[in-house]
Amino acid sequence: MNYMGPSVGFGILRFLGLVIYIGLLALIAYLIISTIQFFKRKTENDKELLVKLDTLIQLQSQKKGIQS
């Protein structure tokens, strides 16, 4: 007979638990990194948008000054 015993089954379960745990840690690290990158891009885009809005406001006030 080829009886492996209960220790092999528990070892496989322990290994699967470890793999799942490492996978969750990797997922959390990926989400943190991607969130940080997203907020960096968002900050840069917001700065560009503010510069463009300032330019539009200046052009609009110049137009009003000319028309008055």
Protein backbone atom coordinates (compact mmCIF):
# COMPACT_ATOMS: atom_id res chain seq x y z
CA MET A 1 0.00 0.00 0.00
CA ASN A 2 1.06 3.52 -0.70
CA TYR A 3 -0.18 5.45 2.35
CA MET A 4 1.20 8.99 2.64
CA GLY A 5 -0.32 9.82 6.00
CA PRO A 6 -2.04 12.95 7.22
CA SER A 7 1.14 15.00 7.47
CA VAL A 8 1.43 15.29 3.66
CA GLY A 9 -2.11 16.62 3.37
CA PHE A 10 -1.52 19.20 6.08
CA GLY A 11 1.73 20.20 4.41
CA ILE A 12 -0.07 20.83 1.13
CA LEU A 13 -2.72 22.91 2.91
CA ARG A 14 -0.04 24.88 4.74
CA PHE A 15 1.76 25.51 1.43
CA LEU A 16 -1.46 26.70 -0.23
CA GLY A 17 -2.13 29.00 2.70
CA LEU A 18 1.36 30.44 2.37
CA VAL A 19 0.88 30.98 -1.38
CA ILE A 20 -2.44 32.74 -0.78
CA TYR A 21 -0.88 34.90 1.95
CA ILE A 22 2.04 35.91 -0.29
CA GLY A 23 -0.40 36.60 -3.13
CA LEU A 24 -2.45 38.92 -0.93
CA LEU A 25 0.67 40.77 0.19
CA ALA A 26 1.74 41.19 -3.44
CA LEU A 27 -1.74 42.46 -4.38
CA ILE A 28 -1.71 44.98 -1.53
CA ALA A 29 1.76 46.21 -2.54
CA TYR A 30 0.63 46.56 -6.18
CA LEU A 31 -2.47 48.51 -5.16
CA ILE A 32 -0.45 50.85 -2.94
CA ILE A 33 2.11 51.53 -5.69
CA SER A 34 -0.54 52.10 -8.36
CA THR A 35 -2.48 54.43 -6.05
CA ILE A 36 0.65 56.50 -5.37
CA GLN A 37 1.38 56.73 -9.10
CA PHE A 38 -2.22 57.74 -9.81
CA PHE A 39 -2.12 60.58 -7.28
CA LYS A 40 1.22 61.82 -8.65
CA ARG A 41 -0.26 61.96 -12.17
CA LYS A 42 -3.42 63.60 -10.83
CA THR A 43 -1.42 66.30 -9.06
CA GLU A 44 0.54 67.06 -12.25
CA ASN A 45 -2.65 67.19 -14.31
CA ASP A 46 -4.30 69.48 -11.76
CA LYS A 47 -1.31 71.85 -11.89
CA GLU A 48 -1.49 71.96 -15.69
CA LEU A 49 -5.22 72.60 -15.54
CA LEU A 50 -4.72 75.49 -13.11
CA VAL A 51 -2.12 77.05 -15.41
CA LYS A 52 -4.49 76.79 -18.37
CA LEU A 53 -7.35 78.27 -16.35
CA ASP A 54 -5.13 81.16 -15.27
CA THR A 55 -4.23 81.78 -18.91
CA LEU A 56 -7.89 81.76 -19.91
CA ILE A 57 -8.78 84.16 -17.09
CA GLN A 58 -6.02 86.54 -18.17
CA LEU A 59 -7.16 86.41 -21.81
CA GLN A 60 -10.77 87.00 -20.76
CA SER A 61 -9.84 90.01 -18.63
CA GLN A 62 -7.75 91.44 -21.47
CA LYS A 63 -10.73 91.08 -23.81
CA LYS A 64 -12.99 92.88 -21.34
CA GLY A 65 -10.41 95.65 -20.95
CA ILE A 66 -10.24 96.15 -24.71
CA GLN A 67 -14.03 96.14 -25.15
CA SER A 68 -14.67 98.64 -22.33
